[in-house]
Amino acid sequence: MIQADPLSQTLSALADPTRRALLARLAQGEASVNELAEPFDITLQAVSRHLKVLEGAGLITRTRTAQWRPCKLAPEPLKALDGWLEHYRRFWDDSFDRMAAYLADLQKGHPDDRSN
């Protein structure tokens, strides 16, 4: 089986809205599988499968404290994704700056005369 690169694994894991909701909950602090499953109308097994995908992508970690197995957000893959997106963020910022400058030039060359 071909192993996907970390960015592809992150994007694949984030493609599902349930997994994104689980990460949003974990951003508030660690939680058990039961706590994470509470707001969803799906089985514990389905939540566990989602958590396994998140764990495989490195987005969460699970530890064991006696009978409690808390899940915790692991932000490193999200930082890597943010770094990858930064290139595109700069592209759009530059594009919008050029468009604003172009519109300003248009206004200077063609003043809006609404007083007549």
PDB file of N, CA and C in Angstrom:
ATOM      1  N   MET A   1       0.841  -1.176   0.000  1.00  0.00           N
ATOM      2  CA  MET A   1       0.000   0.000   0.000  1.00  0.00           C
ATOM      3  C   MET A   1       0.890   1.244   0.000  1.00  0.00           C
ATOM      4  N   ILE A   2       0.550   2.210  -0.844  1.00  0.00           N
ATOM      5  CA  ILE A   2       1.320   3.456  -0.932  1.00  0.00           C
ATOM      6  C   ILE A   2       0.893   4.381   0.193  1.00  0.00           C
ATOM      7  N   GLN A   3       1.861   4.883   0.914  1.00  0.00           N
ATOM      8  CA  GLN A   3       1.615   5.805   2.033  1.00  0.00           C
ATOM      9  C   GLN A   3       1.432   7.217   1.486  1.00  0.00           C
ATOM     10  N   ALA A   4       0.354   7.875   1.869  1.00  0.00           N
ATOM     11  CA  ALA A   4       0.118   9.256   1.445  1.00  0.00           C
ATOM     12  C   ALA A   4       1.049  10.193   2.201  1.00  0.00           C
ATOM     13  N   ASP A   5       1.376  11.308   1.565  1.00  0.00           N
ATOM     14  CA  ASP A   5       2.211  12.299   2.240  1.00  0.00           C
ATOM     15  C   ASP A   5       1.407  12.950   3.367  1.00  0.00           C
ATOM     16  N   PRO A   6       2.075  13.529   4.355  1.00  0.00           N
ATOM     17  CA  PRO A   6       1.370  14.097   5.514  1.00  0.00           C
ATOM     18  C   PRO A   6       0.320  15.151   5.156  1.00  0.00           C
ATOM     19  N   LEU A   7       0.604  16.012   4.187  1.00  0.00           N
ATOM     20  CA  LEU A   7      -0.366  17.038   3.812  1.00  0.00           C
ATOM     21  C   LEU A   7      -1.626  16.402   3.230  1.00  0.00           C
ATOM     22  N   SER A   8      -1.462  15.387   2.397  1.00  0.00           N
ATOM     23  CA  SER A   8      -2.618  14.691   1.829  1.00  0.00           C
ATOM     24  C   SER A   8      -3.430  13.998   2.920  1.00  0.00           C
ATOM     25  N   GLN A   9      -2.759  13.407   3.887  1.00  0.00           N
ATOM     26  CA  GLN A   9      -3.457  12.766   4.998  1.00  0.00           C
ATOM     27  C   GLN A   9      -4.251  13.798   5.798  1.00  0.00           C
ATOM     28  N   THR A  10      -3.655  14.959   6.039  1.00  0.00           N
ATOM     29  CA  THR A  10      -4.341  16.017   6.782  1.00  0.00           C
ATOM     30  C   THR A  10      -5.578  16.481   6.022  1.00  0.00           C
ATOM     31  N   LEU A  11      -5.403  16.778   4.737  1.00  0.00           N
ATOM     32  CA  LEU A  11      -6.534  17.253   3.937  1.00  0.00           C
ATOM     33  C   LEU A  11      -7.637  16.195   3.840  1.00  0.00           C
ATOM     34  N   SER A  12      -7.256  14.947   3.695  1.00  0.00           N
ATOM     35  CA  SER A  12      -8.243  13.867   3.631  1.00  0.00           C
ATOM     36  C   SER A  12      -9.012  13.761   4.943  1.00  0.00           C
ATOM     37  N   ALA A  13      -8.313  13.847   6.051  1.00  0.00           N
ATOM     38  CA  ALA A  13      -8.972  13.764   7.363  1.00  0.00           C
ATOM     39  C   ALA A  13      -9.907  14.948   7.573  1.00  0.00           C
ATOM     40  N   LEU A  14      -9.515  16.125   7.099  1.00  0.00           N
ATOM     41  CA  LEU A  14     -10.334  17.324   7.285  1.00  0.00           C
ATOM     42  C   LEU A  14     -11.502  17.405   6.308  1.00  0.00           C
ATOM     43  N   ALA A  15     -11.549  16.516   5.332  1.00  0.00           N
ATOM     44  CA  ALA A  15     -12.612  16.550   4.325  1.00  0.00           C
ATOM     45  C   ALA A  15     -13.978  16.201   4.917  1.00  0.00           C
ATOM     46  N   ASP A  16     -13.997  15.534   6.037  1.00  0.00           N
ATOM     47  CA  ASP A  16     -15.265  15.110   6.640  1.00  0.00           C
ATOM     48  C   ASP A  16     -15.727  16.104   7.707  1.00  0.00           C
ATOM     49  N   PRO A  17     -16.969  16.573   7.639  1.00  0.00           N
ATOM     50  CA  PRO A  17     -17.444  17.559   8.618  1.00  0.00           C
ATOM     51  C   PRO A  17     -17.494  17.035  10.056  1.00  0.00           C
ATOM     52  N   THR A  18     -17.733  15.748  10.231  1.00  0.00           N
ATOM     53  CA  THR A  18     -17.750  15.189  11.585  1.00  0.00           C
ATOM     54  C   THR A  18     -16.359  15.258  12.190  1.00  0.00           C
ATOM     55  N   ARG A  19     -15.348  14.941  11.395  1.00  0.00           N
ATOM     56  CA  ARG A  19     -13.973  15.006  11.904  1.00  0.00           C
ATOM     57  C   ARG A  19     -13.580  16.443  12.208  1.00  0.00           C
ATOM     58  N   ARG A  20     -14.016  17.389  11.375  1.00  0.00           N
ATOM     59  CA  ARG A  20     -13.723  18.798  11.674  1.00  0.00           C
ATOM     60  C   ARG A  20     -14.398  19.219  12.976  1.00  0.00           C
ATOM     61  N   ALA A  21     -15.623  18.744  13.200  1.00  0.00           N
ATOM     62  CA  ALA A  21     -16.329  19.068  14.449  1.00  0.00           C
ATOM     63  C   ALA A  21     -15.615  18.443  15.648  1.00  0.00           C
ATOM     64  N   LEU A  22     -15.105  17.236  15.486  1.00  0.00           N
ATOM     65  CA  LEU A  22     -14.359  16.591  16.576  1.00  0.00           C
ATOM     66  C   LEU A  22     -13.096  17.396  16.898  1.00  0.00           C
ATOM     67  N   LEU A  23     -12.402  17.867  15.864  1.00  0.00           N
ATOM     68  CA  LEU A  23     -11.207  18.688  16.101  1.00  0.00           C
ATOM     69  C   LEU A  23     -11.571  20.000  16.782  1.00  0.00           C
ATOM     70  N   ALA A  24     -12.693  20.600  16.375  1.00  0.00           N
ATOM     71  CA  ALA A  24     -13.120  21.857  17.007  1.00  0.00           C
ATOM     72  C   ALA A  24     -13.377  21.629  18.490  1.00  0.00           C
ATOM     73  N   ARG A  25     -13.984  20.505  18.822  1.00  0.00           N
ATOM     74  CA  ARG A  25     -14.221  20.190  20.242  1.00  0.00           C
ATOM     75  C   ARG A  25     -12.904  19.987  20.977  1.00  0.00           C
ATOM     76  N   LEU A  26     -11.964  19.286  20.342  1.00  0.00           N
ATOM     77  CA  LEU A  26     -10.677  19.026  20.990  1.00  0.00           C
ATOM     78  C   LEU A  26      -9.830  20.286  21.114  1.00  0.00           C
ATOM     79  N   ALA A  27     -10.111  21.296  20.323  1.00  0.00           N
ATOM     80  CA  ALA A  27      -9.406  22.575  20.462  1.00  0.00           C
ATOM     81  C   ALA A  27      -9.739  23.227  21.803  1.00  0.00           C
ATOM     82  N   GLN A  28     -10.838  22.814  22.422  1.00  0.00           N
ATOM     83  CA  GLN A  28     -11.240  23.326  23.736  1.00  0.00           C
ATOM     84  C   GLN A  28     -10.565  22.561  24.873  1.00  0.00           C
ATOM     85  N   GLY A  29      -9.988  21.415  24.568  1.00  0.00           N
ATOM     86  CA  GLY A  29      -9.322  20.611  25.584  1.00  0.00           C
ATOM     87  C   GLY A  29      -9.544  19.137  25.337  1.00  0.00           C
ATOM     88  N   GLU A  30      -8.765  18.317  26.009  1.00  0.00           N
ATOM     89  CA  GLU A  30      -8.882  16.874  25.789  1.00  0.00           C
ATOM     90  C   GLU A  30     -10.236  16.352  26.237  1.00  0.00           C
ATOM     91  N   ALA A  31     -10.627  15.217  25.653  1.00  0.00           N
ATOM     92  CA  ALA A  31     -11.936  14.629  25.945  1.00  0.00           C
ATOM     93  C   ALA A  31     -11.896  13.136  25.664  1.00  0.00           C
ATOM     94  N   SER A  32     -12.790  12.418  26.320  1.00  0.00           N
ATOM     95  CA  SER A  32     -12.919  10.977  26.080  1.00  0.00           C
ATOM     96  C   SER A  32     -13.763  10.753  24.828  1.00  0.00           C
ATOM     97  N   VAL A  33     -13.747   9.529  24.339  1.00  0.00           N
ATOM     98  CA  VAL A  33     -14.560   9.179  23.169  1.00  0.00           C
ATOM     99  C   VAL A  33     -16.037   9.414  23.477  1.00  0.00           C
ATOM    100  N   ASN A  34     -16.473   9.041  24.672  1.00  0.00           N
ATOM    101  CA  ASN A  34     -17.881   9.252  25.048  1.00  0.00           C
ATOM    102  C   ASN A  34     -18.235  10.738  25.041  1.00  0.00           C
ATOM    103  N   GLU A  35     -17.350  11.565  25.564  1.00  0.00           N
ATOM    104  CA  GLU A  35     -17.603  13.012  25.563  1.00  0.00           C
ATOM    105  C   GLU A  35     -17.644  13.560  24.139  1.00  0.00           C
ATOM    106  N   LEU A  36     -16.758  13.063  23.308  1.00  0.00           N
ATOM    107  CA  LEU A  36     -16.729  13.522  21.923  1.00  0.00           C
ATOM    108  C   LEU A  36     -17.960  13.069  21.143  1.00  0.00           C
ATOM    109  N   ALA A  37     -18.462  11.885  21.461  1.00  0.00           N
ATOM    110  CA  ALA A  37     -19.613  11.324  20.736  1.00  0.00           C
ATOM    111  C   ALA A  37     -20.933  11.970  21.126  1.00  0.00           C
ATOM    112  N   GLU A  38     -20.970  12.578  22.297  1.00  0.00           N
ATOM    113  CA  GLU A  38     -22.217  13.103  22.862  1.00  0.00           C
ATOM    114  C   GLU A  38     -23.071  13.927  21.895  1.00  0.00           C
ATOM    115  N   PRO A  39     -22.530  14.919  21.198  1.00  0.00           N
ATOM    116  CA  PRO A  39     -23.398  15.759  20.356  1.00  0.00           C
ATOM    117  C   PRO A  39     -23.803  15.127  19.019  1.00  0.00           C
ATOM    118  N   PHE A  40     -23.261  13.968  18.694  1.00  0.00           N
ATOM    119  CA  PHE A  40     -23.510  13.366  17.384  1.00  0.00           C
ATOM    120  C   PHE A  40     -24.565  12.269  17.461  1.00  0.00           C
ATOM    121  N   ASP A  41     -25.306  12.144  16.387  1.00  0.00           N
ATOM    122  CA  ASP A  41     -26.311  11.093  16.283  1.00  0.00           C
ATOM    123  C   ASP A  41     -25.728   9.917  15.494  1.00  0.00           C
ATOM    124  N   ILE A  42     -24.543   9.465  15.948  1.00  0.00           N
ATOM    125  CA  ILE A  42     -23.887   8.310  15.335  1.00  0.00           C
ATOM    126  C   ILE A  42     -23.387   7.405  16.464  1.00  0.00           C
ATOM    127  N   THR A  43     -23.045   6.193  16.111  1.00  0.00           N
ATOM    128  CA  THR A  43     -22.616   5.226  17.121  1.00  0.00           C
ATOM    129  C   THR A  43     -21.218   5.558  17.650  1.00  0.00           C
ATOM    130  N   LEU A  44     -20.909   4.999  18.801  1.00  0.00           N
ATOM    131  CA  LEU A  44     -19.554   5.145  19.355  1.00  0.00           C
ATOM    132  C   LEU A  44     -18.516   4.551  18.408  1.00  0.00           C
ATOM    133  N   GLN A  45     -18.893   3.446  17.750  1.00  0.00           N
ATOM    134  CA  GLN A  45     -17.966   2.827  16.804  1.00  0.00           C
ATOM    135  C   GLN A  45     -17.659   3.773  15.646  1.00  0.00           C
ATOM    136  N   ALA A  46     -18.669   4.514  15.162  1.00  0.00           N
ATOM    137  CA  ALA A  46     -18.449   5.464  14.075  1.00  0.00           C
ATOM    138  C   ALA A  46     -17.537   6.597  14.542  1.00  0.00           C
ATOM    139  N   VAL A  47     -17.765   7.078  15.754  1.00  0.00           N
ATOM    140  CA  VAL A  47     -16.895   8.127  16.303  1.00  0.00           C
ATOM    141  C   VAL A  47     -15.472   7.589  16.431  1.00  0.00           C
ATOM    142  N   SER A  48     -15.329   6.363  16.899  1.00  0.00           N
ATOM    143  CA  SER A  48     -13.996   5.754  17.028  1.00  0.00           C
ATOM    144  C   SER A  48     -13.307   5.645  15.674  1.00  0.00           C
ATOM    145  N   ARG A  49     -14.057   5.320  14.623  1.00  0.00           N
ATOM    146  CA  ARG A  49     -13.463   5.250  13.282  1.00  0.00           C
ATOM    147  C   ARG A  49     -12.984   6.635  12.833  1.00  0.00           C
ATOM    148  N   HIS A  50     -13.779   7.663  13.102  1.00  0.00           N
ATOM    149  CA  HIS A  50     -13.358   9.027  12.766  1.00  0.00           C
ATOM    150  C   HIS A  50     -12.091   9.402  13.532  1.00  0.00           C
ATOM    151  N   LEU A  51     -12.048   9.039  14.804  1.00  0.00           N
ATOM    152  CA  LEU A  51     -10.873   9.341  15.621  1.00  0.00           C
ATOM    153  C   LEU A  51      -9.639   8.606  15.116  1.00  0.00           C
ATOM    154  N   LYS A  52      -9.837   7.390  14.631  1.00  0.00           N
ATOM    155  CA  LYS A  52      -8.720   6.621  14.089  1.00  0.00           C
ATOM    156  C   LYS A  52      -8.141   7.321  12.857  1.00  0.00           C
ATOM    157  N   VAL A  53      -9.003   7.877  12.009  1.00  0.00           N
ATOM    158  CA  VAL A  53      -8.531   8.626  10.835  1.00  0.00           C
ATOM    159  C   VAL A  53      -7.759   9.864  11.289  1.00  0.00           C
ATOM    160  N   LEU A  54      -8.305  10.588  12.264  1.00  0.00           N
ATOM    161  CA  LEU A  54      -7.628  11.783  12.777  1.00  0.00           C
ATOM    162  C   LEU A  54      -6.281  11.424  13.395  1.00  0.00           C
ATOM    163  N   GLU A  55      -6.254  10.321  14.111  1.00  0.00           N
ATOM    164  CA  GLU A  55      -5.005   9.870  14.729  1.00  0.00           C
ATOM    165  C   GLU A  55      -3.998   9.450  13.654  1.00  0.00           C
ATOM    166  N   GLY A  56      -4.466   8.759  12.625  1.00  0.00           N
ATOM    167  CA  GLY A  56      -3.590   8.334  11.534  1.00  0.00           C
ATOM    168  C   GLY A  56      -2.979   9.515  10.791  1.00  0.00           C
ATOM    169  N   ALA A  57      -3.718  10.626  10.739  1.00  0.00           N
ATOM    170  CA  ALA A  57      -3.221  11.844  10.085  1.00  0.00           C
ATOM    171  C   ALA A  57      -2.363  12.672  11.034  1.00  0.00           C
ATOM    172  N   GLY A  58      -2.235  12.223  12.275  1.00  0.00           N
ATOM    173  CA  GLY A  58      -1.419  12.942  13.250  1.00  0.00           C
ATOM    174  C   GLY A  58      -2.101  14.156  13.850  1.00  0.00           C
ATOM    175  N   LEU A  59      -3.421  14.282  13.643  1.00  0.00           N
ATOM    176  CA  LEU A  59      -4.158  15.446  14.136  1.00  0.00           C
ATOM    177  C   LEU A  59      -4.579  15.321  15.596  1.00  0.00           C
ATOM    178  N   ILE A  60      -4.599  14.101  16.111  1.00  0.00           N
ATOM    179  CA  ILE A  60      -4.904  13.891  17.532  1.00  0.00           C
ATOM    180  C   ILE A  60      -3.959  12.844  18.094  1.00  0.00           C
ATOM    181  N   THR A  61      -3.853  12.851  19.403  1.00  0.00           N
ATOM    182  CA  THR A  61      -3.142  11.792  20.110  1.00  0.00           C
ATOM    183  C   THR A  61      -4.093  11.220  21.145  1.00  0.00           C
ATOM    184  N   ARG A  62      -3.856   9.971  21.493  1.00  0.00           N
ATOM    185  CA  ARG A  62      -4.646   9.325  22.547  1.00  0.00           C
ATOM    186  C   ARG A  62      -3.678   8.744  23.563  1.00  0.00           C
ATOM    187  N   THR A  63      -3.999   8.986  24.813  1.00  0.00           N
ATOM    188  CA  THR A  63      -3.185   8.447  25.902  1.00  0.00           C
ATOM    189  C   THR A  63      -4.074   7.578  26.780  1.00  0.00           C
ATOM    190  N   ARG A  64      -3.457   6.916  27.722  1.00  0.00           N
ATOM    191  CA  ARG A  64      -4.230   6.072  28.626  1.00  0.00           C
ATOM    192  C   ARG A  64      -3.877   6.449  30.059  1.00  0.00           C
ATOM    193  N   THR A  65      -4.918   6.783  30.815  1.00  0.00           N
ATOM    194  CA  THR A  65      -4.782   7.055  32.237  1.00  0.00           C
ATOM    195  C   THR A  65      -5.796   6.151  32.931  1.00  0.00           C
ATOM    196  N   ALA A  66      -5.308   5.055  33.482  1.00  0.00           N
ATOM    197  CA  ALA A  66      -6.178   4.025  34.070  1.00  0.00           C
ATOM    198  C   ALA A  66      -7.188   3.595  33.008  1.00  0.00           C
ATOM    199  N   GLN A  67      -8.466   3.771  33.259  1.00  0.00           N
ATOM    200  CA  GLN A  67      -9.511   3.370  32.305  1.00  0.00           C
ATOM    201  C   GLN A  67      -9.848   4.493  31.330  1.00  0.00           C
ATOM    202  N   TRP A  68      -9.335   5.660  31.565  1.00  0.00           N
ATOM    203  CA  TRP A  68      -9.675   6.815  30.737  1.00  0.00           C
ATOM    204  C   TRP A  68      -8.666   6.962  29.611  1.00  0.00           C
ATOM    205  N   ARG A  69      -9.139   7.059  28.363  1.00  0.00           N
ATOM    206  CA  ARG A  69      -8.270   7.233  27.196  1.00  0.00           C
ATOM    207  C   ARG A  69      -8.589   8.568  26.533  1.00  0.00           C
ATOM    208  N   PRO A  70      -8.071   9.655  27.080  1.00  0.00           N
ATOM    209  CA  PRO A  70      -8.401  10.964  26.513  1.00  0.00           C
ATOM    210  C   PRO A  70      -7.766  11.189  25.138  1.00  0.00           C
ATOM    211  N   CYS A  71      -8.489  11.939  24.318  1.00  0.00           N
ATOM    212  CA  CYS A  71      -7.988  12.369  23.016  1.00  0.00           C
ATOM    213  C   CYS A  71      -7.563  13.821  23.159  1.00  0.00           C
ATOM    214  N   LYS A  72      -6.508  14.176  22.444  1.00  0.00           N
ATOM    215  CA  LYS A  72      -5.975  15.535  22.545  1.00  0.00           C
ATOM    216  C   LYS A  72      -5.592  16.004  21.151  1.00  0.00           C
ATOM    217  N   LEU A  73      -5.868  17.263  20.862  1.00  0.00           N
ATOM    218  CA  LEU A  73      -5.508  17.856  19.580  1.00  0.00           C
ATOM    219  C   LEU A  73      -3.995  17.913  19.442  1.00  0.00           C
ATOM    220  N   ALA A  74      -3.494  17.545  18.267  1.00  0.00           N
ATOM    221  CA  ALA A  74      -2.073  17.656  17.942  1.00  0.00           C
ATOM    222  C   ALA A  74      -1.965  18.675  16.800  1.00  0.00           C
ATOM    223  N   PRO A  75      -1.552  19.895  17.091  1.00  0.00           N
ATOM    224  CA  PRO A  75      -1.641  20.974  16.104  1.00  0.00           C
ATOM    225  C   PRO A  75      -0.585  20.968  14.996  1.00  0.00           C
ATOM    226  N   GLU A  76       0.437  20.146  15.078  1.00  0.00           N
ATOM    227  CA  GLU A  76       1.526  20.209  14.108  1.00  0.00           C
ATOM    228  C   GLU A  76       1.061  20.055  12.659  1.00  0.00           C
ATOM    229  N   PRO A  77       0.203  19.068  12.330  1.00  0.00           N
ATOM    230  CA  PRO A  77      -0.249  18.972  10.931  1.00  0.00           C
ATOM    231  C   PRO A  77      -1.050  20.197  10.478  1.00  0.00           C
ATOM    232  N   LEU A  78      -1.771  20.822  11.398  1.00  0.00           N
ATOM    233  CA  LEU A  78      -2.518  22.029  11.044  1.00  0.00           C
ATOM    234  C   LEU A  78      -1.565  23.187  10.767  1.00  0.00           C
ATOM    235  N   LYS A  79      -0.458  23.244  11.509  1.00  0.00           N
ATOM    236  CA  LYS A  79       0.554  24.270  11.256  1.00  0.00           C
ATOM    237  C   LYS A  79       1.174  24.062   9.872  1.00  0.00           C
ATOM    238  N   ALA A  80       1.437  22.807   9.524  1.00  0.00           N
ATOM    239  CA  ALA A  80       2.003  22.507   8.206  1.00  0.00           C
ATOM    240  C   ALA A  80       1.019  22.895   7.103  1.00  0.00           C
ATOM    241  N   LEU A  81      -0.263  22.618   7.312  1.00  0.00           N
ATOM    242  CA  LEU A  81      -1.290  22.992   6.345  1.00  0.00           C
ATOM    243  C   LEU A  81      -1.364  24.508   6.208  1.00  0.00           C
ATOM    244  N   ASP A  82      -1.298  25.212   7.320  1.00  0.00           N
ATOM    245  CA  ASP A  82      -1.330  26.667   7.290  1.00  0.00           C
ATOM    246  C   ASP A  82      -0.129  27.216   6.513  1.00  0.00           C
ATOM    247  N   GLY A  83       1.028  26.616   6.697  1.00  0.00           N
ATOM    248  CA  GLY A  83       2.209  27.028   5.955  1.00  0.00           C
ATOM    249  C   GLY A  83       2.032  26.825   4.457  1.00  0.00           C
ATOM    250  N   TRP A  84       1.432  25.713   4.069  1.00  0.00           N
ATOM    251  CA  TRP A  84       1.178  25.432   2.659  1.00  0.00           C
ATOM    252  C   TRP A  84       0.175  26.435   2.089  1.00  0.00           C
ATOM    253  N   LEU A  85      -0.844  26.767   2.880  1.00  0.00           N
ATOM    254  CA  LEU A  85      -1.874  27.712   2.429  1.00  0.00           C
ATOM    255  C   LEU A  85      -1.353  29.142   2.352  1.00  0.00           C
ATOM    256  N   GLU A  86      -0.298  29.455   3.080  1.00  0.00           N
ATOM    257  CA  GLU A  86       0.245  30.811   3.110  1.00  0.00           C
ATOM    258  C   GLU A  86       0.607  31.305   1.712  1.00  0.00           C
ATOM    259  N   HIS A  87       1.167  30.428   0.898  1.00  0.00           N
ATOM    260  CA  HIS A  87       1.504  30.798  -0.480  1.00  0.00           C
ATOM    261  C   HIS A  87       0.262  31.301  -1.219  1.00  0.00           C
ATOM    262  N   TYR A  88      -0.824  30.593  -1.074  1.00  0.00           N
ATOM    263  CA  TYR A  88      -2.059  30.964  -1.760  1.00  0.00           C
ATOM    264  C   TYR A  88      -2.706  32.200  -1.124  1.00  0.00           C
ATOM    265  N   ARG A  89      -2.554  32.342   0.163  1.00  0.00           N
ATOM    266  CA  ARG A  89      -3.062  33.527   0.857  1.00  0.00           C
ATOM    267  C   ARG A  89      -2.368  34.772   0.305  1.00  0.00           C
ATOM    268  N   ARG A  90      -1.047  34.689   0.136  1.00  0.00           N
ATOM    269  CA  ARG A  90      -0.292  35.818  -0.435  1.00  0.00           C
ATOM    270  C   ARG A  90      -0.738  36.089  -1.869  1.00  0.00           C
ATOM    271  N   PHE A  91      -0.970  35.034  -2.643  1.00  0.00           N
ATOM    272  CA  PHE A  91      -1.438  35.192  -4.021  1.00  0.00           C
ATOM    273  C   PHE A  91      -2.742  35.987  -4.050  1.00  0.00           C
ATOM    274  N   TRP A  92      -3.712  35.596  -3.216  1.00  0.00           N
ATOM    275  CA  TRP A  92      -5.003  36.296  -3.219  1.00  0.00           C
ATOM    276  C   TRP A  92      -4.873  37.709  -2.680  1.00  0.00           C
ATOM    277  N   ASP A  93      -4.083  37.900  -1.642  1.00  0.00           N
ATOM    278  CA  ASP A  93      -3.872  39.259  -1.126  1.00  0.00           C
ATOM    279  C   ASP A  93      -3.274  40.157  -2.202  1.00  0.00           C
ATOM    280  N   ASP A  94      -2.260  39.660  -2.912  1.00  0.00           N
ATOM    281  CA  ASP A  94      -1.641  40.435  -3.982  1.00  0.00           C
ATOM    282  C   ASP A  94      -2.640  40.710  -5.107  1.00  0.00           C
ATOM    283  N   SER A  95      -3.443  39.715  -5.445  1.00  0.00           N
ATOM    284  CA  SER A  95      -4.442  39.890  -6.508  1.00  0.00           C
ATOM    285  C   SER A  95      -5.464  40.955  -6.124  1.00  0.00           C
ATOM    286  N   PHE A  96      -5.925  40.927  -4.889  1.00  0.00           N
ATOM    287  CA  PHE A  96      -6.900  41.926  -4.442  1.00  0.00           C
ATOM    288  C   PHE A  96      -6.265  43.313  -4.375  1.00  0.00           C
ATOM    289  N   ASP A  97      -5.001  43.398  -3.982  1.00  0.00           N
ATOM    290  CA  ASP A  97      -4.307  44.688  -3.963  1.00  0.00           C
ATOM    291  C   ASP A  97      -4.198  45.257  -5.378  1.00  0.00           C
ATOM    292  N   ARG A  98      -3.852  44.393  -6.344  1.00  0.00           N
ATOM    293  CA  ARG A  98      -3.758  44.857  -7.737  1.00  0.00           C
ATOM    294  C   ARG A  98      -5.130  45.295  -8.251  1.00  0.00           C
ATOM    295  N   MET A  99      -6.184  44.556  -7.896  1.00  0.00           N
ATOM    296  CA  MET A  99      -7.522  44.930  -8.334  1.00  0.00           C
ATOM    297  C   MET A  99      -7.934  46.257  -7.710  1.00  0.00           C
ATOM    298  N   ALA A 100      -7.629  46.478  -6.449  1.00  0.00           N
ATOM    299  CA  ALA A 100      -7.967  47.745  -5.783  1.00  0.00           C
ATOM    300  C   ALA A 100      -7.224  48.901  -6.446  1.00  0.00           C
ATOM    301  N   ALA A 101      -5.953  48.686  -6.786  1.00  0.00           N
ATOM    302  CA  ALA A 101      -5.185  49.736  -7.453  1.00  0.00           C
ATOM    303  C   ALA A 101      -5.764  50.022  -8.836  1.00  0.00           C
ATOM    304  N   TYR A 102      -6.157  48.982  -9.546  1.00  0.00           N
ATOM    305  CA  TYR A 102      -6.759  49.146 -10.865  1.00  0.00           C
ATOM    306  C   TYR A 102      -8.071  49.923 -10.763  1.00  0.00           C
ATOM    307  N   LEU A 103      -8.903  49.589  -9.812  1.00  0.00           N
ATOM    308  CA  LEU A 103     -10.174  50.299  -9.627  1.00  0.00           C
ATOM    309  C   LEU A 103      -9.937  51.761  -9.245  1.00  0.00           C
ATOM    310  N   ALA A 104      -8.943  52.013  -8.429  1.00  0.00           N
ATOM    311  CA  ALA A 104      -8.605  53.391  -8.052  1.00  0.00           C
ATOM    312  C   ALA A 104      -8.154  54.180  -9.278  1.00  0.00           C
ATOM    313  N   ASP A 105      -7.344  53.536 -10.145  1.00  0.00           N
ATOM    314  CA  ASP A 105      -6.909  54.189 -11.389  1.00  0.00           C
ATOM    315  C   ASP A 105      -8.105  54.485 -12.295  1.00  0.00           C
ATOM    316  N   LEU A 106      -9.030  53.563 -12.364  1.00  0.00           N
ATOM    317  CA  LEU A 106     -10.228  53.780 -13.182  1.00  0.00           C
ATOM    318  C   LEU A 106     -11.027  54.980 -12.676  1.00  0.00           C
ATOM    319  N   GLN A 107     -11.160  55.076 -11.366  1.00  0.00           N
ATOM    320  CA  GLN A 107     -11.907  56.191 -10.793  1.00  0.00           C
ATOM    321  C   GLN A 107     -11.217  57.521 -11.063  1.00  0.00           C
ATOM    322  N   LYS A 108      -9.904  57.538 -11.008  1.00  0.00           N
ATOM    323  CA  LYS A 108      -9.153  58.768 -11.285  1.00  0.00           C
ATOM    324  C   LYS A 108      -9.327  59.181 -12.746  1.00  0.00           C
ATOM    325  N   GLY A 109      -9.311  58.213 -13.653  1.00  0.00           N
ATOM    326  CA  GLY A 109      -9.421  58.498 -15.070  1.00  0.00           C
ATOM    327  C   GLY A 109     -10.833  58.795 -15.528  1.00  0.00           C
ATOM    328  N   HIS A 110     -11.811  58.294 -14.811  1.00  0.00           N
ATOM    329  CA  HIS A 110     -13.218  58.479 -15.163  1.00  0.00           C
ATOM    330  C   HIS A 110     -13.992  58.890 -13.914  1.00  0.00           C
ATOM    331  N   PRO A 111     -13.906  60.163 -13.540  1.00  0.00           N
ATOM    332  CA  PRO A 111     -14.590  60.579 -12.324  1.00  0.00           C
ATOM    333  C   PRO A 111     -16.101  60.370 -12.445  1.00  0.00           C
ATOM    334  N   ASP A 112     -16.665  59.947 -11.355  1.00  0.00           N
ATOM    335  CA  ASP A 112     -18.098  59.694 -11.314  1.00  0.00           C
ATOM    336  C   ASP A 112     -18.798  61.025 -11.122  1.00  0.00           C
ATOM    337  N   ASP A 113     -19.448  61.485 -12.146  1.00  0.00           N
ATOM    338  CA  ASP A 113     -20.105  62.792 -12.080  1.00  0.00           C
ATOM    339  C   ASP A 113     -21.601  62.584 -11.929  1.00  0.00           C
ATOM    340  N   ARG A 114     -22.038  62.496 -10.714  1.00  0.00           N
ATOM    341  CA  ARG A 114     -23.461  62.270 -10.433  1.00  0.00           C
ATOM    342  C   ARG A 114     -24.170  63.565 -10.087  1.00  0.00           C
ATOM    343  N   SER A 115     -23.463  64.683 -10.112  1.00  0.00           N
ATOM    344  CA  SER A 115     -24.084  65.963  -9.735  1.00  0.00           C
ATOM    345  C   SER A 115     -24.947  66.522 -10.857  1.00  0.00           C
ATOM    346  N   ASN A 116     -24.802  66.036 -12.074  1.00  0.00           N
ATOM    347  CA  ASN A 116     -25.597  66.546 -13.217  1.00  0.00           C
ATOM    348  C   ASN A 116     -26.856  65.769 -13.385  1.00  0.00           C
TER     349      ASN A 116
END
